Every structure is written in structure tokens, then in C-alpha cells.
């Protein structure tokens, strides 16, 4: 449970949830928490309460109860080479919920250029759907701030407030894990959009292959199997590398990767086909855990994912002065 924080002294921009013309999508305009809201104290509260890596279908998930012994699992490593691709596109999300709770997740700046469709807004960040809303517990984001390439309290590429969110109603209403993804659209700064400063990773959609050699990134504050706290409490970017496999559980087809990252890593990317320059293709993201939690599970990006991406990449955004803390 996140610690609820009184908001009586804040002046938040009123929320205006907007339903897209297609009933498939849910489009929300978020509040701006305003200058001075994301204080060091509030960020520490958020870091102590990451959005849980949820329970997937048919399993106990990354629970906080004492688990049974588990087989060996790939241990996440701390990223040490910051300032270049792919890690400069990956960042930490700070989330203010509608009930006043504070949370964290992970996200990635994605390429909005698309063949024969133009450059797009260069402002889209990919994360998990449950980092935006979750019908199970009624969670819904009210304001979000993204810090690309964040590490040890430093945000070298600026602070970016999320203005719009795009989710699929198959997640937001039905909690179908195949749709546990979200496209966030950051407000543009007066000196340019976020991708100008970070670069962006491309996404791969509607693929038939299931076995990919990938790197998975995230900001976990805990690791499995015991959901033990990292000493840095999620202040460092971590990664696992390995090969994905297909899994079919309770009718859900997803990708699975051996990795011990837990709460806080939700929304982090699984990047395949990484080139020496650090660019590749995002083929999934950190979504949920199952059973003894020996692996991360992520959705397969389909035509539906691409349709959501098409909406977000042309979303009009405001231009604001670079935020400060």
C-alpha cells in the first residue's frame, strides 16, 4: 500500500478524462503537480512504494508473503554506463495517484517516426498499463513525472511531466494481461521534446517469433524470490539479459524471461536486436509475475499495440518551461 499524502495545499490542474472515438482506447489528460510538488521527501515516499509487479493469471505473483524455495534465477546487474543508448532512454516514473498515494514505475522513450507517417511528436514514453490504471484496486494516475537516465538522485536529461496517457480498455476495464501496456505523452519543453535529448528506441509489432535475445531494464526496489529490498531502494537502473520464451497460461500467451527484478521494474523495456550503438527494438515490457516468481512476464506486441501507439505518436502536447524540483 502506498502512503497517502494530504494534497490540500496543492493547486492541481483539473482532470479531464477523454474517451477516444474508438471504444478500444482510453485517453486521459493528467494533472500538472506544479513546481515544488516533487520534493525529495515525496520522491522517497514514492520510492518506498513502487507499483507492485502484479499477480498474473493462475499464479500467486510477486507476493510479499514468505515464498517457497525456488530454482536458480538470473540476477539483475546495476547499469554503470549512463549517458548513452539504450539506457539514456530508460527512466524512472514518479506517480501521484488520485487517492493521494505515491508510487514509482519504469518507462522508455520510444521512436515516434513511422514509415510514410511522418516524425510524430517525439514525446512518447512506453510503460505498463498497471502503472496508469488498474481495475482490480481502482488505482488511477493523477500526475506523473518521468526522469530519463535517472541514477543516484541525478536526472541528466531533465524532468518531464506526462500530459496524456493512452491505454487499451481491454486492460483498463477487463484487466486482460495481453494489453498491460500504456503510451504516455510528455509535455514538450520550450527547448524541444524529450526524444531530442534522450534519443528513442523503436518498437516491434505483430511479430511471429517468440525467442529473442534481450536486455530487460528497470528500477526495481526489491528482488525475488523473497522480495528483499535493494540497499539503494530503486535508485539505480538494473538489467537482466537472456533469451525469451513463449508461455501459455490460463489462455494468455506472453513472453517470459528469467530475471529477479521485482516491484518497481514494472514498465521497463525488453529490448532485442541491440546494435553496438545501443539501438534495437522493444519487443515487450515488464508486466507481471507468476507463481514462484523465477521470471518476468511481458505482453506480445500485436496490431492492437500498434494502433495504440499510432494514437499516442500524434497526440498534441503543450509546451512548458522545463520543470524544476
C-alpha atoms as a PDB file:
ATOM      1  CA  UNK A   1       0.000   0.000   0.000  1.00  0.00           C
ATOM      2  CA  UNK A   2       1.266   3.463  -0.800  1.00  0.00           C
ATOM      3  CA  UNK A   3       1.320   6.158   1.831  1.00  0.00           C
ATOM      4  CA  UNK A   4      -1.461   8.628   1.137  1.00  0.00           C
ATOM      5  CA  UNK A   5      -0.366  12.238   1.285  1.00  0.00           C
ATOM      6  CA  UNK A   6      -2.640  15.164   2.017  1.00  0.00           C
ATOM      7  CA  UNK A   7      -2.986  17.411  -1.013  1.00  0.00           C
ATOM      8  CA  UNK A   8      -4.973  20.279   0.418  1.00  0.00           C
ATOM      9  CA  UNK A   9      -2.177  22.794  -0.187  1.00  0.00           C
ATOM     10  CA  UNK A  10      -1.690  21.864  -3.828  1.00  0.00           C
ATOM     11  CA  UNK A  11      -3.214  23.576  -6.820  1.00  0.00           C
ATOM     12  CA  UNK A  12      -3.609  20.805  -9.391  1.00  0.00           C
ATOM     13  CA  UNK A  13      -4.899  21.394 -12.883  1.00  0.00           C
ATOM     14  CA  UNK A  14      -8.395  19.860 -13.061  1.00  0.00           C
ATOM     15  CA  UNK A  15      -8.511  16.436 -14.723  1.00  0.00           C
ATOM     16  CA  UNK A  16     -10.477  15.920 -17.899  1.00  0.00           C
ATOM     17  CA  UNK A  17     -10.650  12.215 -18.816  1.00  0.00           C
ATOM     18  CA  UNK A  18     -11.360  11.988 -22.529  1.00  0.00           C
ATOM     19  CA  UNK A  19     -12.637   8.847 -24.171  1.00  0.00           C
ATOM     20  CA  UNK A  20     -11.222   8.295 -27.648  1.00  0.00           C
ATOM     21  CA  UNK A  21     -13.577   7.877 -30.578  1.00  0.00           C
ATOM     22  CA  UNK A  22     -12.701   4.173 -30.646  1.00  0.00           C
ATOM     23  CA  UNK A  23     -14.154   2.407 -27.612  1.00  0.00           C
ATOM     24  CA  UNK A  24     -10.984   0.252 -27.573  1.00  0.00           C
ATOM     25  CA  UNK A  25      -8.827   3.045 -26.177  1.00  0.00           C
ATOM     26  CA  UNK A  26      -8.818   5.120 -23.004  1.00  0.00           C
ATOM     27  CA  UNK A  27      -7.194   8.548 -23.276  1.00  0.00           C
ATOM     28  CA  UNK A  28      -6.672  10.703 -20.166  1.00  0.00           C
ATOM     29  CA  UNK A  29      -5.220  14.149 -19.696  1.00  0.00           C
ATOM     30  CA  UNK A  30      -3.280  14.244 -16.452  1.00  0.00           C
ATOM     31  CA  UNK A  31      -2.920  16.993 -13.910  1.00  0.00           C
ATOM     32  CA  UNK A  32       0.250  19.001 -13.534  1.00  0.00           C
ATOM     33  CA  UNK A  33       1.515  18.687  -9.968  1.00  0.00           C
ATOM     34  CA  UNK A  34       3.192  22.064 -10.366  1.00  0.00           C
ATOM     35  CA  UNK A  35       6.571  23.420  -9.358  1.00  0.00           C
ATOM     36  CA  UNK A  36       7.738  22.311  -5.955  1.00  0.00           C
ATOM     37  CA  UNK A  37       5.472  19.270  -5.624  1.00  0.00           C
ATOM     38  CA  UNK A  38       8.054  16.554  -6.308  1.00  0.00           C
ATOM     39  CA  UNK A  39      10.194  17.252  -3.258  1.00  0.00           C
ATOM     40  CA  UNK A  40      12.904  14.893  -2.033  1.00  0.00           C
ATOM     41  CA  UNK A  41      10.552  13.707   0.732  1.00  0.00           C
ATOM     42  CA  UNK A  42       7.728  12.902  -1.689  1.00  0.00           C
ATOM     43  CA  UNK A  43      10.096  11.074  -4.024  1.00  0.00           C
ATOM     44  CA  UNK A  44      11.392   8.996  -1.108  1.00  0.00           C
ATOM     45  CA  UNK A  45       7.808   8.077  -0.233  1.00  0.00           C
ATOM     46  CA  UNK A  46       7.180   7.086  -3.855  1.00  0.00           C
ATOM     47  CA  UNK A  47      10.366   5.025  -3.974  1.00  0.00           C
ATOM     48  CA  UNK A  48       9.275   3.161  -0.854  1.00  0.00           C
ATOM     49  CA  UNK A  49       6.011   2.207  -2.583  1.00  0.00           C
ATOM     50  CA  UNK A  50       6.661   1.044  -6.152  1.00  0.00           C
ATOM     51  CA  UNK A  51       3.708  -0.220  -8.125  1.00  0.00           C
ATOM     52  CA  UNK A  52       3.793  -3.932  -7.317  1.00  0.00           C
ATOM     53  CA  UNK A  53       4.794  -6.376 -10.005  1.00  0.00           C
ATOM     54  CA  UNK A  54       1.253  -7.790 -10.086  1.00  0.00           C
ATOM     55  CA  UNK A  55      -0.077 -11.307  -9.900  1.00  0.00           C
ATOM     56  CA  UNK A  56      -0.542 -12.763 -13.347  1.00  0.00           C
ATOM     57  CA  UNK A  57      -3.245 -15.256 -14.316  1.00  0.00           C
ATOM     58  CA  UNK A  58      -3.160 -18.552 -12.471  1.00  0.00           C
ATOM     59  CA  UNK A  59      -0.361 -17.750 -10.025  1.00  0.00           C
ATOM     60  CA  UNK A  60       0.485 -16.087  -6.753  1.00  0.00           C
ATOM     61  CA  UNK A  61       2.736 -13.478  -8.383  1.00  0.00           C
ATOM     62  CA  UNK A  62       5.421 -11.445  -6.681  1.00  0.00           C
ATOM     63  CA  UNK A  63       3.717 -11.566  -3.324  1.00  0.00           C
ATOM     64  CA  UNK A  64       5.165 -10.211  -0.116  1.00  0.00           C
ATOM     65  CA  UNK A  65       4.460 -13.444   1.745  1.00  0.00           C
ATOM     66  CA  UNK A  66       7.378 -15.759   2.515  1.00  0.00           C
ATOM     67  CA  UNK A  67       7.779 -17.875  -0.629  1.00  0.00           C
ATOM     68  CA  UNK A  68       8.840 -21.487  -1.049  1.00  0.00           C
ATOM     69  CA  UNK A  69      12.407 -22.281  -2.211  1.00  0.00           C
ATOM     70  CA  UNK A  70      12.892 -21.562  -5.897  1.00  0.00           C
ATOM     71  CA  UNK A  71      15.356 -22.716  -8.544  1.00  0.00           C
ATOM     72  CA  UNK A  72      18.286 -20.507  -9.602  1.00  0.00           C
ATOM     73  CA  UNK A  73      17.257 -17.226 -11.196  1.00  0.00           C
ATOM     74  CA  UNK A  74      19.141 -14.660 -13.257  1.00  0.00           C
ATOM     75  CA  UNK A  75      20.298 -11.816 -11.009  1.00  0.00           C
ATOM     76  CA  UNK A  76      19.895  -8.265 -12.260  1.00  0.00           C
ATOM     77  CA  UNK A  77      23.048  -6.180 -12.605  1.00  0.00           C
ATOM     78  CA  UNK A  78      23.484  -2.477 -11.929  1.00  0.00           C
ATOM     79  CA  UNK A  79      23.927  -0.313 -15.033  1.00  0.00           C
ATOM     80  CA  UNK A  80      27.200   1.611 -14.828  1.00  0.00           C
ATOM     81  CA  UNK A  81      27.457   3.160 -18.323  1.00  0.00           C
ATOM     82  CA  UNK A  82      24.981   6.051 -18.311  1.00  0.00           C
ATOM     83  CA  UNK A  83      24.645   8.827 -20.872  1.00  0.00           C
ATOM     84  CA  UNK A  84      24.369   6.641 -23.966  1.00  0.00           C
ATOM     85  CA  UNK A  85      21.882   4.318 -25.660  1.00  0.00           C
ATOM     86  CA  UNK A  86      19.980   2.337 -24.653  1.00  0.00           C
ATOM     87  CA  UNK A  87      19.997   3.440 -21.001  1.00  0.00           C
ATOM     88  CA  UNK A  88      19.595   7.174 -21.619  1.00  0.00           C
ATOM     89  CA  UNK A  89      16.098   6.434 -22.984  1.00  0.00           C
ATOM     90  CA  UNK A  90      15.071   4.341 -19.959  1.00  0.00           C
ATOM     91  CA  UNK A  91      13.863   6.243 -16.925  1.00  0.00           C
ATOM     92  CA  UNK A  92      12.017   6.271 -13.660  1.00  0.00           C
ATOM     93  CA  UNK A  93       8.369   7.284 -13.359  1.00  0.00           C
ATOM     94  CA  UNK A  94       7.058   9.060 -10.270  1.00  0.00           C
ATOM     95  CA  UNK A  95       3.294   8.709  -9.933  1.00  0.00           C
ATOM     96  CA  UNK A  96       0.702  10.629  -7.913  1.00  0.00           C
ATOM     97  CA  UNK A  97      -2.493   8.562  -7.693  1.00  0.00           C
ATOM     98  CA  UNK A  98      -5.983  10.012  -7.499  1.00  0.00           C
ATOM     99  CA  UNK A  99      -6.248   8.829  -3.884  1.00  0.00           C
ATOM    100  CA  UNK A 100      -3.074  10.726  -2.968  1.00  0.00           C
ATOM    101  CA  UNK A 101      -0.789   7.683  -2.951  1.00  0.00           C
ATOM    102  CA  UNK A 102       2.731   7.979  -4.362  1.00  0.00           C
ATOM    103  CA  UNK A 103       4.360   5.256  -6.465  1.00  0.00           C
ATOM    104  CA  UNK A 104       7.151   4.528  -8.940  1.00  0.00           C
ATOM    105  CA  UNK A 105       7.454   2.539 -12.179  1.00  0.00           C
ATOM    106  CA  UNK A 106       9.862   2.338 -15.125  1.00  0.00           C
ATOM    107  CA  UNK A 107       9.487   3.540 -18.727  1.00  0.00           C
ATOM    108  CA  UNK A 108      11.248   4.109 -22.050  1.00  0.00           C
ATOM    109  CA  UNK A 109      11.224   6.900 -24.646  1.00  0.00           C
ATOM    110  CA  UNK A 110      10.074   5.369 -27.948  1.00  0.00           C
ATOM    111  CA  UNK A 111      10.607   6.438 -31.533  1.00  0.00           C
ATOM    112  CA  UNK A 112       7.522   8.165 -32.997  1.00  0.00           C
ATOM    113  CA  UNK A 113       8.836   8.268 -36.563  1.00  0.00           C
ATOM    114  CA  UNK A 114       6.977   5.772 -38.728  1.00  0.00           C
ATOM    115  CA  UNK A 115       7.343   4.940 -42.408  1.00  0.00           C
ATOM    116  CA  UNK A 116       5.138   7.189 -44.550  1.00  0.00           C
ATOM    117  CA  UNK A 117       3.523   8.649 -41.416  1.00  0.00           C
ATOM    118  CA  UNK A 118       5.991  11.374 -40.505  1.00  0.00           C
ATOM    119  CA  UNK A 119       8.080  12.158 -37.434  1.00  0.00           C
ATOM    120  CA  UNK A 120       5.313  12.178 -34.824  1.00  0.00           C
ATOM    121  CA  UNK A 121       5.503  14.223 -31.634  1.00  0.00           C
ATOM    122  CA  UNK A 122       8.810  12.766 -30.311  1.00  0.00           C
ATOM    123  CA  UNK A 123       7.194  12.720 -26.865  1.00  0.00           C
ATOM    124  CA  UNK A 124       6.018   9.128 -26.199  1.00  0.00           C
ATOM    125  CA  UNK A 125       7.115   7.037 -23.201  1.00  0.00           C
ATOM    126  CA  UNK A 126       6.205   3.335 -23.015  1.00  0.00           C
ATOM    127  CA  UNK A 127       5.275   1.767 -19.660  1.00  0.00           C
ATOM    128  CA  UNK A 128       2.955  -0.874 -18.200  1.00  0.00           C
ATOM    129  CA  UNK A 129      -0.796  -0.350 -18.181  1.00  0.00           C
ATOM    130  CA  UNK A 130      -0.958  -1.078 -14.439  1.00  0.00           C
ATOM    131  CA  UNK A 131       1.322   1.935 -13.870  1.00  0.00           C
ATOM    132  CA  UNK A 132      -1.516   4.131 -15.201  1.00  0.00           C
ATOM    133  CA  UNK A 133      -4.663   2.351 -14.024  1.00  0.00           C
ATOM    134  CA  UNK A 134      -5.745  -0.972 -12.557  1.00  0.00           C
ATOM    135  CA  UNK A 135      -9.389  -2.043 -12.240  1.00  0.00           C
ATOM    136  CA  UNK A 136      -8.512  -4.562  -9.520  1.00  0.00           C
ATOM    137  CA  UNK A 137      -7.782  -1.946  -6.844  1.00  0.00           C
ATOM    138  CA  UNK A 138      -9.206   1.159  -8.517  1.00  0.00           C
ATOM    139  CA  UNK A 139      -5.776   2.724  -8.934  1.00  0.00           C
ATOM    140  CA  UNK A 140      -5.598   5.591 -11.423  1.00  0.00           C
ATOM    141  CA  UNK A 141      -2.755   8.017 -12.055  1.00  0.00           C
ATOM    142  CA  UNK A 142      -3.411  11.699 -11.492  1.00  0.00           C
ATOM    143  CA  UNK A 143       0.019  13.158 -12.274  1.00  0.00           C
ATOM    144  CA  UNK A 144       3.268  11.596 -13.471  1.00  0.00           C
ATOM    145  CA  UNK A 145       6.861  12.767 -13.809  1.00  0.00           C
ATOM    146  CA  UNK A 146       9.495  10.948 -15.880  1.00  0.00           C
ATOM    147  CA  UNK A 147      13.246  11.075 -15.285  1.00  0.00           C
ATOM    148  CA  UNK A 148      15.197   9.522 -18.178  1.00  0.00           C
ATOM    149  CA  UNK A 149      18.606   8.003 -17.424  1.00  0.00           C
ATOM    150  CA  UNK A 150      17.995   8.592 -13.723  1.00  0.00           C
ATOM    151  CA  UNK A 151      20.602   7.298 -11.260  1.00  0.00           C
ATOM    152  CA  UNK A 152      21.506   8.083  -7.664  1.00  0.00           C
ATOM    153  CA  UNK A 153      19.361  11.187  -7.470  1.00  0.00           C
ATOM    154  CA  UNK A 154      20.590  12.694 -10.745  1.00  0.00           C
ATOM    155  CA  UNK A 155      18.441  13.420 -13.820  1.00  0.00           C
ATOM    156  CA  UNK A 156      20.900  14.489 -16.544  1.00  0.00           C
ATOM    157  CA  UNK A 157      18.280  14.776 -19.304  1.00  0.00           C
ATOM    158  CA  UNK A 158      15.750  16.835 -17.409  1.00  0.00           C
ATOM    159  CA  UNK A 159      12.383  16.325 -15.756  1.00  0.00           C
ATOM    160  CA  UNK A 160       9.371  15.539 -17.940  1.00  0.00           C
ATOM    161  CA  UNK A 161       5.757  15.814 -16.836  1.00  0.00           C
ATOM    162  CA  UNK A 162       3.355  13.407 -18.533  1.00  0.00           C
ATOM    163  CA  UNK A 163       0.420  15.271 -20.066  1.00  0.00           C
ATOM    164  CA  UNK A 164      -1.531  12.415 -21.680  1.00  0.00           C
ATOM    165  CA  UNK A 165      -1.921   8.671 -21.177  1.00  0.00           C
ATOM    166  CA  UNK A 166      -3.206   6.098 -23.657  1.00  0.00           C
ATOM    167  CA  UNK A 167      -4.279   2.632 -22.501  1.00  0.00           C
ATOM    168  CA  UNK A 168      -6.349  -0.168 -24.008  1.00  0.00           C
ATOM    169  CA  UNK A 169      -9.745  -0.774 -22.425  1.00  0.00           C
ATOM    170  CA  UNK A 170      -9.031  -4.495 -22.572  1.00  0.00           C
ATOM    171  CA  UNK A 171      -6.630  -3.691 -19.755  1.00  0.00           C
ATOM    172  CA  UNK A 172      -8.356  -0.756 -18.046  1.00  0.00           C
ATOM    173  CA  UNK A 173     -11.776  -2.431 -17.873  1.00  0.00           C
ATOM    174  CA  UNK A 174     -11.211  -6.172 -18.316  1.00  0.00           C
ATOM    175  CA  UNK A 175      -7.681  -6.463 -16.849  1.00  0.00           C
ATOM    176  CA  UNK A 176      -6.580  -8.641 -19.750  1.00  0.00           C
ATOM    177  CA  UNK A 177      -2.832  -9.117 -19.298  1.00  0.00           C
ATOM    178  CA  UNK A 178      -2.244  -9.252 -23.041  1.00  0.00           C
ATOM    179  CA  UNK A 179      -2.938  -5.482 -23.019  1.00  0.00           C
ATOM    180  CA  UNK A 180      -0.886  -4.444 -19.973  1.00  0.00           C
ATOM    181  CA  UNK A 181       0.894  -1.596 -21.717  1.00  0.00           C
ATOM    182  CA  UNK A 182       0.454   2.169 -21.888  1.00  0.00           C
ATOM    183  CA  UNK A 183       1.708   5.029 -24.023  1.00  0.00           C
ATOM    184  CA  UNK A 184       2.479   8.197 -22.085  1.00  0.00           C
ATOM    185  CA  UNK A 185       2.887  11.533 -23.841  1.00  0.00           C
ATOM    186  CA  UNK A 186       5.173  14.065 -22.176  1.00  0.00           C
ATOM    187  CA  UNK A 187       4.654  17.806 -22.401  1.00  0.00           C
ATOM    188  CA  UNK A 188       7.228  19.444 -24.651  1.00  0.00           C
ATOM    189  CA  UNK A 189       9.812  21.780 -23.150  1.00  0.00           C
ATOM    190  CA  UNK A 190      10.421  25.214 -24.628  1.00  0.00           C
ATOM    191  CA  UNK A 191      13.734  23.889 -25.975  1.00  0.00           C
ATOM    192  CA  UNK A 192      12.286  20.739 -27.526  1.00  0.00           C
ATOM    193  CA  UNK A 193      10.565  17.351 -26.977  1.00  0.00           C
ATOM    194  CA  UNK A 194      12.022  14.595 -24.837  1.00  0.00           C
ATOM    195  CA  UNK A 195      13.405  12.493 -27.703  1.00  0.00           C
ATOM    196  CA  UNK A 196      15.606  15.429 -28.748  1.00  0.00           C
ATOM    197  CA  UNK A 197      17.573  14.958 -25.522  1.00  0.00           C
ATOM    198  CA  UNK A 198      17.422  11.195 -24.992  1.00  0.00           C
ATOM    199  CA  UNK A 199      17.037   9.618 -28.401  1.00  0.00           C
ATOM    200  CA  UNK A 200      14.384   6.901 -28.695  1.00  0.00           C
ATOM    201  CA  UNK A 201      14.056   3.149 -29.096  1.00  0.00           C
ATOM    202  CA  UNK A 202      11.897   1.663 -31.840  1.00  0.00           C
ATOM    203  CA  UNK A 203       9.138  -0.857 -31.129  1.00  0.00           C
ATOM    204  CA  UNK A 204       8.429  -4.124 -32.938  1.00  0.00           C
ATOM    205  CA  UNK A 205       4.799  -5.113 -33.511  1.00  0.00           C
ATOM    206  CA  UNK A 206       2.880  -8.151 -34.717  1.00  0.00           C
ATOM    207  CA  UNK A 207       5.906 -10.462 -34.761  1.00  0.00           C
ATOM    208  CA  UNK A 208       5.678 -14.242 -35.102  1.00  0.00           C
ATOM    209  CA  UNK A 209       8.977 -15.005 -33.378  1.00  0.00           C
ATOM    210  CA  UNK A 210       8.914 -15.734 -29.636  1.00  0.00           C
ATOM    211  CA  UNK A 211      12.554 -16.454 -28.821  1.00  0.00           C
ATOM    212  CA  UNK A 212      14.541 -13.202 -28.629  1.00  0.00           C
ATOM    213  CA  UNK A 213      17.905 -12.442 -27.043  1.00  0.00           C
ATOM    214  CA  UNK A 214      17.064  -9.362 -24.992  1.00  0.00           C
ATOM    215  CA  UNK A 215      18.103  -6.995 -22.270  1.00  0.00           C
ATOM    216  CA  UNK A 216      15.411  -6.069 -19.764  1.00  0.00           C
ATOM    217  CA  UNK A 217      15.790  -2.781 -17.852  1.00  0.00           C
ATOM    218  CA  UNK A 218      14.057  -1.336 -14.826  1.00  0.00           C
ATOM    219  CA  UNK A 219      14.277   0.423 -11.488  1.00  0.00           C
ATOM    220  CA  UNK A 220      13.356  -2.349  -9.028  1.00  0.00           C
ATOM    221  CA  UNK A 221      13.414  -1.504  -5.339  1.00  0.00           C
ATOM    222  CA  UNK A 222      13.161  -5.211  -4.494  1.00  0.00           C
ATOM    223  CA  UNK A 223      14.363  -8.534  -5.852  1.00  0.00           C
ATOM    224  CA  UNK A 224      12.926 -12.053  -5.770  1.00  0.00           C
ATOM    225  CA  UNK A 225      12.440 -14.704  -4.525  1.00  0.00           C
ATOM    226  CA  UNK A 226      11.958 -13.035  -1.122  1.00  0.00           C
ATOM    227  CA  UNK A 227      11.145  -9.518  -2.348  1.00  0.00           C
ATOM    228  CA  UNK A 228      14.192  -8.253  -0.480  1.00  0.00           C
ATOM    229  CA  UNK A 229      14.844  -4.523  -0.571  1.00  0.00           C
ATOM    230  CA  UNK A 230      17.853  -3.296  -2.516  1.00  0.00           C
ATOM    231  CA  UNK A 231      20.033  -1.016  -0.340  1.00  0.00           C
ATOM    232  CA  UNK A 232      19.509   1.827  -2.829  1.00  0.00           C
ATOM    233  CA  UNK A 233      15.700   1.369  -2.752  1.00  0.00           C
ATOM    234  CA  UNK A 234      15.372   1.529  -6.542  1.00  0.00           C
ATOM    235  CA  UNK A 235      17.715   4.476  -7.062  1.00  0.00           C
ATOM    236  CA  UNK A 236      19.772   2.538  -9.619  1.00  0.00           C
ATOM    237  CA  UNK A 237      18.880   1.240 -13.063  1.00  0.00           C
ATOM    238  CA  UNK A 238      19.327  -2.526 -13.345  1.00  0.00           C
ATOM    239  CA  UNK A 239      19.165  -5.020 -16.183  1.00  0.00           C
ATOM    240  CA  UNK A 240      18.974  -8.724 -16.966  1.00  0.00           C
ATOM    241  CA  UNK A 241      19.954 -10.356 -20.219  1.00  0.00           C
ATOM    242  CA  UNK A 242      18.834 -13.648 -21.667  1.00  0.00           C
ATOM    243  CA  UNK A 243      16.510 -15.334 -24.124  1.00  0.00           C
ATOM    244  CA  UNK A 244      12.739 -15.030 -24.006  1.00  0.00           C
ATOM    245  CA  UNK A 245      10.392 -17.972 -24.319  1.00  0.00           C
ATOM    246  CA  UNK A 246       6.708 -18.191 -25.106  1.00  0.00           C
ATOM    247  CA  UNK A 247       4.341 -19.239 -22.338  1.00  0.00           C
ATOM    248  CA  UNK A 248       0.640 -20.065 -22.476  1.00  0.00           C
ATOM    249  CA  UNK A 249      -1.023 -19.878 -19.075  1.00  0.00           C
ATOM    250  CA  UNK A 250      -4.750 -19.740 -18.419  1.00  0.00           C
ATOM    251  CA  UNK A 251      -5.278 -18.876 -22.081  1.00  0.00           C
ATOM    252  CA  UNK A 252      -2.817 -15.976 -22.009  1.00  0.00           C
ATOM    253  CA  UNK A 253       0.130 -16.063 -24.374  1.00  0.00           C
ATOM    254  CA  UNK A 254       3.056 -13.959 -23.241  1.00  0.00           C
ATOM    255  CA  UNK A 255       6.846 -13.800 -23.213  1.00  0.00           C
ATOM    256  CA  UNK A 256       8.900 -14.886 -20.208  1.00  0.00           C
ATOM    257  CA  UNK A 257      12.472 -14.039 -19.194  1.00  0.00           C
ATOM    258  CA  UNK A 258      14.493 -15.332 -16.248  1.00  0.00           C
ATOM    259  CA  UNK A 259      15.223 -12.285 -14.058  1.00  0.00           C
ATOM    260  CA  UNK A 260      14.945 -11.421 -10.358  1.00  0.00           C
ATOM    261  CA  UNK A 261      13.795  -7.804 -10.709  1.00  0.00           C
ATOM    262  CA  UNK A 262      10.557  -7.232  -8.794  1.00  0.00           C
ATOM    263  CA  UNK A 263       8.476  -4.283  -7.577  1.00  0.00           C
ATOM    264  CA  UNK A 264       9.462  -1.020  -9.295  1.00  0.00           C
ATOM    265  CA  UNK A 265      10.646  -2.617 -12.539  1.00  0.00           C
ATOM    266  CA  UNK A 266       7.108  -2.625 -13.976  1.00  0.00           C
ATOM    267  CA  UNK A 267       7.030  -0.970 -17.393  1.00  0.00           C
ATOM    268  CA  UNK A 268      10.729  -1.425 -18.094  1.00  0.00           C
ATOM    269  CA  UNK A 269      11.583  -2.487 -21.671  1.00  0.00           C
ATOM    270  CA  UNK A 270      12.695  -5.798 -23.133  1.00  0.00           C
ATOM    271  CA  UNK A 271      14.993  -4.723 -25.973  1.00  0.00           C
ATOM    272  CA  UNK A 272      16.010  -7.152 -28.724  1.00  0.00           C
ATOM    273  CA  UNK A 273      18.466  -6.863 -31.635  1.00  0.00           C
ATOM    274  CA  UNK A 274      20.668  -4.375 -29.799  1.00  0.00           C
ATOM    275  CA  UNK A 275      23.361  -2.968 -32.061  1.00  0.00           C
ATOM    276  CA  UNK A 276      26.771  -1.665 -30.923  1.00  0.00           C
ATOM    277  CA  UNK A 277      25.315   1.862 -30.957  1.00  0.00           C
ATOM    278  CA  UNK A 278      22.756   0.838 -28.314  1.00  0.00           C
ATOM    279  CA  UNK A 279      19.674   0.901 -30.536  1.00  0.00           C
ATOM    280  CA  UNK A 280      17.370  -2.075 -31.021  1.00  0.00           C
ATOM    281  CA  UNK A 281      13.676  -2.961 -30.929  1.00  0.00           C
ATOM    282  CA  UNK A 282      11.432  -3.095 -27.869  1.00  0.00           C
ATOM    283  CA  UNK A 283       9.502  -6.362 -28.134  1.00  0.00           C
ATOM    284  CA  UNK A 284       7.807  -6.375 -24.719  1.00  0.00           C
ATOM    285  CA  UNK A 285       7.929  -4.860 -21.228  1.00  0.00           C
ATOM    286  CA  UNK A 286       7.960  -5.930 -17.589  1.00  0.00           C
ATOM    287  CA  UNK A 287       4.342  -6.733 -16.779  1.00  0.00           C
ATOM    288  CA  UNK A 288       3.682  -9.400 -14.154  1.00  0.00           C
ATOM    289  CA  UNK A 289       4.962 -12.369 -12.140  1.00  0.00           C
ATOM    290  CA  UNK A 290       3.596 -15.880 -11.760  1.00  0.00           C
ATOM    291  CA  UNK A 291       3.877 -18.445  -9.003  1.00  0.00           C
ATOM    292  CA  UNK A 292       7.378 -18.752  -7.551  1.00  0.00           C
ATOM    293  CA  UNK A 293       8.424 -15.647  -9.481  1.00  0.00           C
ATOM    294  CA  UNK A 294      11.506 -17.012 -11.195  1.00  0.00           C
ATOM    295  CA  UNK A 295      10.924 -14.844 -14.244  1.00  0.00           C
ATOM    296  CA  UNK A 296       9.437 -11.670 -15.654  1.00  0.00           C
ATOM    297  CA  UNK A 297       6.421 -11.898 -17.948  1.00  0.00           C
ATOM    298  CA  UNK A 298       5.516  -9.438 -20.680  1.00  0.00           C
ATOM    299  CA  UNK A 299       2.834  -8.949 -23.340  1.00  0.00           C
ATOM    300  CA  UNK A 300       3.333  -9.743 -27.009  1.00  0.00           C
ATOM    301  CA  UNK A 301       3.047  -6.530 -29.032  1.00  0.00           C
ATOM    302  CA  UNK A 302       0.303  -7.013 -31.636  1.00  0.00           C
ATOM    303  CA  UNK A 303      -1.636  -4.923 -34.131  1.00  0.00           C
ATOM    304  CA  UNK A 304      -3.657  -3.626 -31.172  1.00  0.00           C
ATOM    305  CA  UNK A 305      -0.457  -2.336 -29.552  1.00  0.00           C
ATOM    306  CA  UNK A 306       0.479  -0.631 -32.784  1.00  0.00           C
ATOM    307  CA  UNK A 307      -2.940   1.018 -33.024  1.00  0.00           C
ATOM    308  CA  UNK A 308      -2.496   2.470 -29.538  1.00  0.00           C
ATOM    309  CA  UNK A 309       0.997   3.653 -30.464  1.00  0.00           C
ATOM    310  CA  UNK A 310      -0.395   5.357 -33.594  1.00  0.00           C
ATOM    311  CA  UNK A 311      -2.777   7.360 -31.396  1.00  0.00           C
ATOM    312  CA  UNK A 312      -0.103   8.444 -28.941  1.00  0.00           C
ATOM    313  CA  UNK A 313       2.527   9.394 -31.542  1.00  0.00           C
ATOM    314  CA  UNK A 314       0.311  12.141 -32.984  1.00  0.00           C
ATOM    315  CA  UNK A 315      -1.153  13.383 -29.692  1.00  0.00           C
ATOM    316  CA  UNK A 316      -0.830  17.158 -29.494  1.00  0.00           C
ATOM    317  CA  UNK A 317       1.014  18.355 -26.409  1.00  0.00           C
ATOM    318  CA  UNK A 318       1.554  21.593 -24.541  1.00  0.00           C
ATOM    319  CA  UNK A 319       4.854  23.435 -24.490  1.00  0.00           C
ATOM    320  CA  UNK A 320       6.067  24.258 -20.989  1.00  0.00           C
ATOM    321  CA  UNK A 321       9.206  25.585 -19.313  1.00  0.00           C
ATOM    322  CA  UNK A 322      11.484  22.764 -18.117  1.00  0.00           C
ATOM    323  CA  UNK A 323      10.177  21.721 -14.664  1.00  0.00           C
ATOM    324  CA  UNK A 324      12.268  22.040 -11.526  1.00  0.00           C
ATOM    325  CA  UNK A 325      12.111  20.309  -8.163  1.00  0.00           C
END
